[in-house]
């Protein structure tokens, strides 16, 4: 079976993208779809390579039954553009960084704004909660849960999964 490969991308890979990886993993488990996917997260910058997600992100996620503690930050690699079917950017800066780093124009169609799958929110950028308080992490989780559900729905509607 060919798996759908999804990479969630933010700047440092310690807040938004690991949260998206955790939320989407939970959603796949709830729908018994884990075997059809390979998911990962990465950052456009190497600020936190090897570190676990931010403790505030872990706490907010755990309060919703999402475990992030085993994830480790990494930087987007050139092979990710070929390996993954979807590279989902958390904001316009990371979208632009992915477009600029993409080694082959044929792979640029894989790069999307994650929040485009939650267009009813009226935003394209998942805000970086790093310098904010608890509310910022909760808001990010809400947005990511909406986009994850929308992404799964879009995959079903386009025939990627049944």
C-alpha atoms as a PDB file:
ATOM      1  CA  UNK A   1       0.000   0.000   0.000  1.00  0.00           C
ATOM      2  CA  UNK A   2       1.205   3.479  -0.887  1.00  0.00           C
ATOM      3  CA  UNK A   3       0.911   5.787   2.104  1.00  0.00           C
ATOM      4  CA  UNK A   4      -0.009   9.458   2.019  1.00  0.00           C
ATOM      5  CA  UNK A   5       2.984  11.363   3.385  1.00  0.00           C
ATOM      6  CA  UNK A   6       2.335  14.639   5.187  1.00  0.00           C
ATOM      7  CA  UNK A   7       4.884  17.078   6.612  1.00  0.00           C
ATOM      8  CA  UNK A   8       3.708  19.908   8.883  1.00  0.00           C
ATOM      9  CA  UNK A   9       6.062  22.898   8.841  1.00  0.00           C
ATOM     10  CA  UNK A  10       6.587  25.927  11.080  1.00  0.00           C
ATOM     11  CA  UNK A  11       9.678  27.943  11.941  1.00  0.00           C
ATOM     12  CA  UNK A  12      11.401  26.133  14.822  1.00  0.00           C
ATOM     13  CA  UNK A  13       9.381  22.887  14.958  1.00  0.00           C
ATOM     14  CA  UNK A  14       8.638  23.185  18.675  1.00  0.00           C
ATOM     15  CA  UNK A  15       5.145  24.730  18.804  1.00  0.00           C
ATOM     16  CA  UNK A  16       2.831  24.741  15.793  1.00  0.00           C
ATOM     17  CA  UNK A  17       4.098  21.950  13.539  1.00  0.00           C
ATOM     18  CA  UNK A  18       4.570  19.313  16.267  1.00  0.00           C
ATOM     19  CA  UNK A  19       1.137  20.273  17.582  1.00  0.00           C
ATOM     20  CA  UNK A  20      -0.273  19.711  14.083  1.00  0.00           C
ATOM     21  CA  UNK A  21       1.521  16.371  13.856  1.00  0.00           C
ATOM     22  CA  UNK A  22       0.055  15.306  17.204  1.00  0.00           C
ATOM     23  CA  UNK A  23      -3.471  16.527  16.426  1.00  0.00           C
ATOM     24  CA  UNK A  24      -3.495  14.863  13.015  1.00  0.00           C
ATOM     25  CA  UNK A  25      -2.106  11.611  14.457  1.00  0.00           C
ATOM     26  CA  UNK A  26      -4.926  11.589  17.016  1.00  0.00           C
ATOM     27  CA  UNK A  27      -7.507  12.255  14.303  1.00  0.00           C
ATOM     28  CA  UNK A  28      -6.150   9.400  12.184  1.00  0.00           C
ATOM     29  CA  UNK A  29      -6.288   7.067  15.178  1.00  0.00           C
ATOM     30  CA  UNK A  30      -9.888   8.054  15.920  1.00  0.00           C
ATOM     31  CA  UNK A  31     -10.834   7.235  12.309  1.00  0.00           C
ATOM     32  CA  UNK A  32      -8.700   4.067  12.178  1.00  0.00           C
ATOM     33  CA  UNK A  33      -6.631   5.497   9.311  1.00  0.00           C
ATOM     34  CA  UNK A  34      -3.128   5.394  10.787  1.00  0.00           C
ATOM     35  CA  UNK A  35      -1.920   2.676   8.428  1.00  0.00           C
ATOM     36  CA  UNK A  36      -2.610   4.883   5.390  1.00  0.00           C
ATOM     37  CA  UNK A  37      -0.356   7.761   6.434  1.00  0.00           C
ATOM     38  CA  UNK A  38       3.188   8.734   7.257  1.00  0.00           C
ATOM     39  CA  UNK A  39       3.260  12.042   9.131  1.00  0.00           C
ATOM     40  CA  UNK A  40       6.079  14.187  10.420  1.00  0.00           C
ATOM     41  CA  UNK A  41       6.884  17.786  11.274  1.00  0.00           C
ATOM     42  CA  UNK A  42       9.858  20.051  10.671  1.00  0.00           C
ATOM     43  CA  UNK A  43      11.000  23.643  10.883  1.00  0.00           C
ATOM     44  CA  UNK A  44      12.290  26.013   8.245  1.00  0.00           C
ATOM     45  CA  UNK A  45      15.019  27.069  10.688  1.00  0.00           C
ATOM     46  CA  UNK A  46      17.404  24.974  12.775  1.00  0.00           C
ATOM     47  CA  UNK A  47      16.915  26.865  16.037  1.00  0.00           C
ATOM     48  CA  UNK A  48      15.793  23.881  18.120  1.00  0.00           C
ATOM     49  CA  UNK A  49      16.999  20.736  16.316  1.00  0.00           C
ATOM     50  CA  UNK A  50      16.788  17.713  18.608  1.00  0.00           C
ATOM     51  CA  UNK A  51      14.657  19.447  21.225  1.00  0.00           C
ATOM     52  CA  UNK A  52      11.192  18.280  22.304  1.00  0.00           C
ATOM     53  CA  UNK A  53       8.181  20.540  21.712  1.00  0.00           C
ATOM     54  CA  UNK A  54       7.784  23.604  23.916  1.00  0.00           C
ATOM     55  CA  UNK A  55       6.492  22.575  27.367  1.00  0.00           C
ATOM     56  CA  UNK A  56       3.500  24.906  27.001  1.00  0.00           C
ATOM     57  CA  UNK A  57       2.574  23.253  23.695  1.00  0.00           C
ATOM     58  CA  UNK A  58       2.933  19.842  25.313  1.00  0.00           C
ATOM     59  CA  UNK A  59       0.713  20.844  28.250  1.00  0.00           C
ATOM     60  CA  UNK A  60      -2.016  22.370  26.076  1.00  0.00           C
ATOM     61  CA  UNK A  61      -2.004  19.308  23.803  1.00  0.00           C
ATOM     62  CA  UNK A  62      -1.995  16.843  26.693  1.00  0.00           C
ATOM     63  CA  UNK A  63      -5.038  18.599  28.162  1.00  0.00           C
ATOM     64  CA  UNK A  64      -6.804  17.496  24.941  1.00  0.00           C
ATOM     65  CA  UNK A  65      -5.427  13.960  25.022  1.00  0.00           C
ATOM     66  CA  UNK A  66      -2.626  14.600  22.528  1.00  0.00           C
ATOM     67  CA  UNK A  67       0.876  13.365  23.341  1.00  0.00           C
ATOM     68  CA  UNK A  68       3.839  15.341  21.962  1.00  0.00           C
ATOM     69  CA  UNK A  69       6.646  14.371  24.355  1.00  0.00           C
ATOM     70  CA  UNK A  70       8.322  11.868  22.013  1.00  0.00           C
ATOM     71  CA  UNK A  71       8.620  14.304  19.099  1.00  0.00           C
ATOM     72  CA  UNK A  72      11.928  16.034  18.352  1.00  0.00           C
ATOM     73  CA  UNK A  73      12.549  19.163  16.301  1.00  0.00           C
ATOM     74  CA  UNK A  74      14.266  18.897  12.962  1.00  0.00           C
ATOM     75  CA  UNK A  75      14.901  21.189  10.026  1.00  0.00           C
ATOM     76  CA  UNK A  76      13.281  20.660   6.632  1.00  0.00           C
ATOM     77  CA  UNK A  77      15.669  18.709   4.390  1.00  0.00           C
ATOM     78  CA  UNK A  78      15.913  18.835   0.605  1.00  0.00           C
ATOM     79  CA  UNK A  79      14.722  15.230   0.339  1.00  0.00           C
ATOM     80  CA  UNK A  80      11.476  16.174   2.124  1.00  0.00           C
ATOM     81  CA  UNK A  81      10.278  17.894  -1.043  1.00  0.00           C
ATOM     82  CA  UNK A  82      10.488  14.630  -2.957  1.00  0.00           C
ATOM     83  CA  UNK A  83       9.501  12.311  -0.099  1.00  0.00           C
ATOM     84  CA  UNK A  84       6.304  14.005   1.086  1.00  0.00           C
ATOM     85  CA  UNK A  85       3.030  14.397  -0.805  1.00  0.00           C
ATOM     86  CA  UNK A  86       1.968  17.441   1.228  1.00  0.00           C
ATOM     87  CA  UNK A  87       4.137  20.062   2.933  1.00  0.00           C
ATOM     88  CA  UNK A  88       1.711  22.089   5.029  1.00  0.00           C
ATOM     89  CA  UNK A  89       3.012  25.500   6.092  1.00  0.00           C
ATOM     90  CA  UNK A  90       1.741  27.183   9.242  1.00  0.00           C
ATOM     91  CA  UNK A  91       2.146  30.745   7.934  1.00  0.00           C
ATOM     92  CA  UNK A  92       3.211  32.896   5.008  1.00  0.00           C
ATOM     93  CA  UNK A  93       6.840  33.186   6.157  1.00  0.00           C
ATOM     94  CA  UNK A  94       7.213  29.414   6.282  1.00  0.00           C
ATOM     95  CA  UNK A  95       5.285  28.989   3.036  1.00  0.00           C
ATOM     96  CA  UNK A  96       7.709  31.394   1.321  1.00  0.00           C
ATOM     97  CA  UNK A  97      10.720  29.664   2.900  1.00  0.00           C
ATOM     98  CA  UNK A  98       9.491  26.311   1.576  1.00  0.00           C
ATOM     99  CA  UNK A  99       8.869  27.705  -1.908  1.00  0.00           C
ATOM    100  CA  UNK A 100      12.351  29.279  -1.933  1.00  0.00           C
ATOM    101  CA  UNK A 101      14.037  26.098  -0.666  1.00  0.00           C
ATOM    102  CA  UNK A 102      12.210  23.730  -3.004  1.00  0.00           C
ATOM    103  CA  UNK A 103      14.877  22.230  -5.289  1.00  0.00           C
ATOM    104  CA  UNK A 104      12.507  21.330  -8.138  1.00  0.00           C
ATOM    105  CA  UNK A 105       9.554  23.328  -9.451  1.00  0.00           C
ATOM    106  CA  UNK A 106       7.526  20.142  -9.904  1.00  0.00           C
ATOM    107  CA  UNK A 107       7.389  19.732  -6.108  1.00  0.00           C
ATOM    108  CA  UNK A 108       6.088  23.244  -5.400  1.00  0.00           C
ATOM    109  CA  UNK A 109       2.484  22.067  -5.918  1.00  0.00           C
ATOM    110  CA  UNK A 110       2.870  19.999  -2.736  1.00  0.00           C
ATOM    111  CA  UNK A 111       3.407  23.128  -0.615  1.00  0.00           C
ATOM    112  CA  UNK A 112       0.164  24.450   0.848  1.00  0.00           C
ATOM    113  CA  UNK A 113      -1.064  26.679   3.635  1.00  0.00           C
ATOM    114  CA  UNK A 114      -2.416  24.385   6.348  1.00  0.00           C
ATOM    115  CA  UNK A 115      -5.211  26.804   7.222  1.00  0.00           C
ATOM    116  CA  UNK A 116      -6.522  26.683   3.659  1.00  0.00           C
ATOM    117  CA  UNK A 117      -8.194  23.492   4.903  1.00  0.00           C
ATOM    118  CA  UNK A 118     -10.103  25.580   7.436  1.00  0.00           C
ATOM    119  CA  UNK A 119     -11.056  28.457   5.164  1.00  0.00           C
ATOM    120  CA  UNK A 120     -14.106  29.240   7.320  1.00  0.00           C
ATOM    121  CA  UNK A 121     -11.664  30.662   9.894  1.00  0.00           C
ATOM    122  CA  UNK A 122     -10.836  33.463   7.465  1.00  0.00           C
ATOM    123  CA  UNK A 123      -7.099  33.244   8.138  1.00  0.00           C
ATOM    124  CA  UNK A 124      -4.114  31.695   6.429  1.00  0.00           C
ATOM    125  CA  UNK A 125      -1.587  32.043   9.227  1.00  0.00           C
ATOM    126  CA  UNK A 126      -1.474  29.949  12.374  1.00  0.00           C
ATOM    127  CA  UNK A 127      -0.016  32.498  14.822  1.00  0.00           C
ATOM    128  CA  UNK A 128       3.210  31.586  16.581  1.00  0.00           C
ATOM    129  CA  UNK A 129       2.322  31.191  20.285  1.00  0.00           C
ATOM    130  CA  UNK A 130       5.964  31.077  21.421  1.00  0.00           C
ATOM    131  CA  UNK A 131       6.004  34.573  22.930  1.00  0.00           C
ATOM    132  CA  UNK A 132       2.400  34.522  24.091  1.00  0.00           C
ATOM    133  CA  UNK A 133       0.616  33.083  27.065  1.00  0.00           C
ATOM    134  CA  UNK A 134      -1.559  30.029  27.604  1.00  0.00           C
ATOM    135  CA  UNK A 135      -4.388  31.423  25.483  1.00  0.00           C
ATOM    136  CA  UNK A 136      -2.123  31.489  22.412  1.00  0.00           C
ATOM    137  CA  UNK A 137      -1.481  27.760  22.627  1.00  0.00           C
ATOM    138  CA  UNK A 138      -5.192  27.045  23.065  1.00  0.00           C
ATOM    139  CA  UNK A 139      -6.045  29.197  20.042  1.00  0.00           C
ATOM    140  CA  UNK A 140      -3.395  27.410  17.963  1.00  0.00           C
ATOM    141  CA  UNK A 141      -4.824  24.041  18.994  1.00  0.00           C
ATOM    142  CA  UNK A 142      -8.330  25.143  18.013  1.00  0.00           C
ATOM    143  CA  UNK A 143      -7.112  26.280  14.590  1.00  0.00           C
ATOM    144  CA  UNK A 144      -5.057  23.148  14.020  1.00  0.00           C
ATOM    145  CA  UNK A 145      -7.948  20.881  14.995  1.00  0.00           C
ATOM    146  CA  UNK A 146     -10.167  22.665  12.449  1.00  0.00           C
ATOM    147  CA  UNK A 147      -7.541  22.479   9.700  1.00  0.00           C
ATOM    148  CA  UNK A 148      -6.799  18.809  10.451  1.00  0.00           C
ATOM    149  CA  UNK A 149     -10.467  17.894  10.106  1.00  0.00           C
ATOM    150  CA  UNK A 150     -10.687  19.938   6.904  1.00  0.00           C
ATOM    151  CA  UNK A 151      -7.553  18.334   5.490  1.00  0.00           C
ATOM    152  CA  UNK A 152      -8.874  14.823   6.176  1.00  0.00           C
ATOM    153  CA  UNK A 153     -12.203  15.781   4.597  1.00  0.00           C
ATOM    154  CA  UNK A 154     -10.428  17.158   1.519  1.00  0.00           C
ATOM    155  CA  UNK A 155      -8.419  13.947   1.160  1.00  0.00           C
ATOM    156  CA  UNK A 156     -11.640  11.968   1.227  1.00  0.00           C
ATOM    157  CA  UNK A 157     -13.355  14.268  -1.271  1.00  0.00           C
ATOM    158  CA  UNK A 158     -10.440  14.049  -3.713  1.00  0.00           C
ATOM    159  CA  UNK A 159     -10.295  10.264  -3.461  1.00  0.00           C
ATOM    160  CA  UNK A 160      -6.940  10.056  -1.681  1.00  0.00           C
ATOM    161  CA  UNK A 161      -8.660   7.936   1.002  1.00  0.00           C
ATOM    162  CA  UNK A 162     -12.083   6.354   1.329  1.00  0.00           C
END
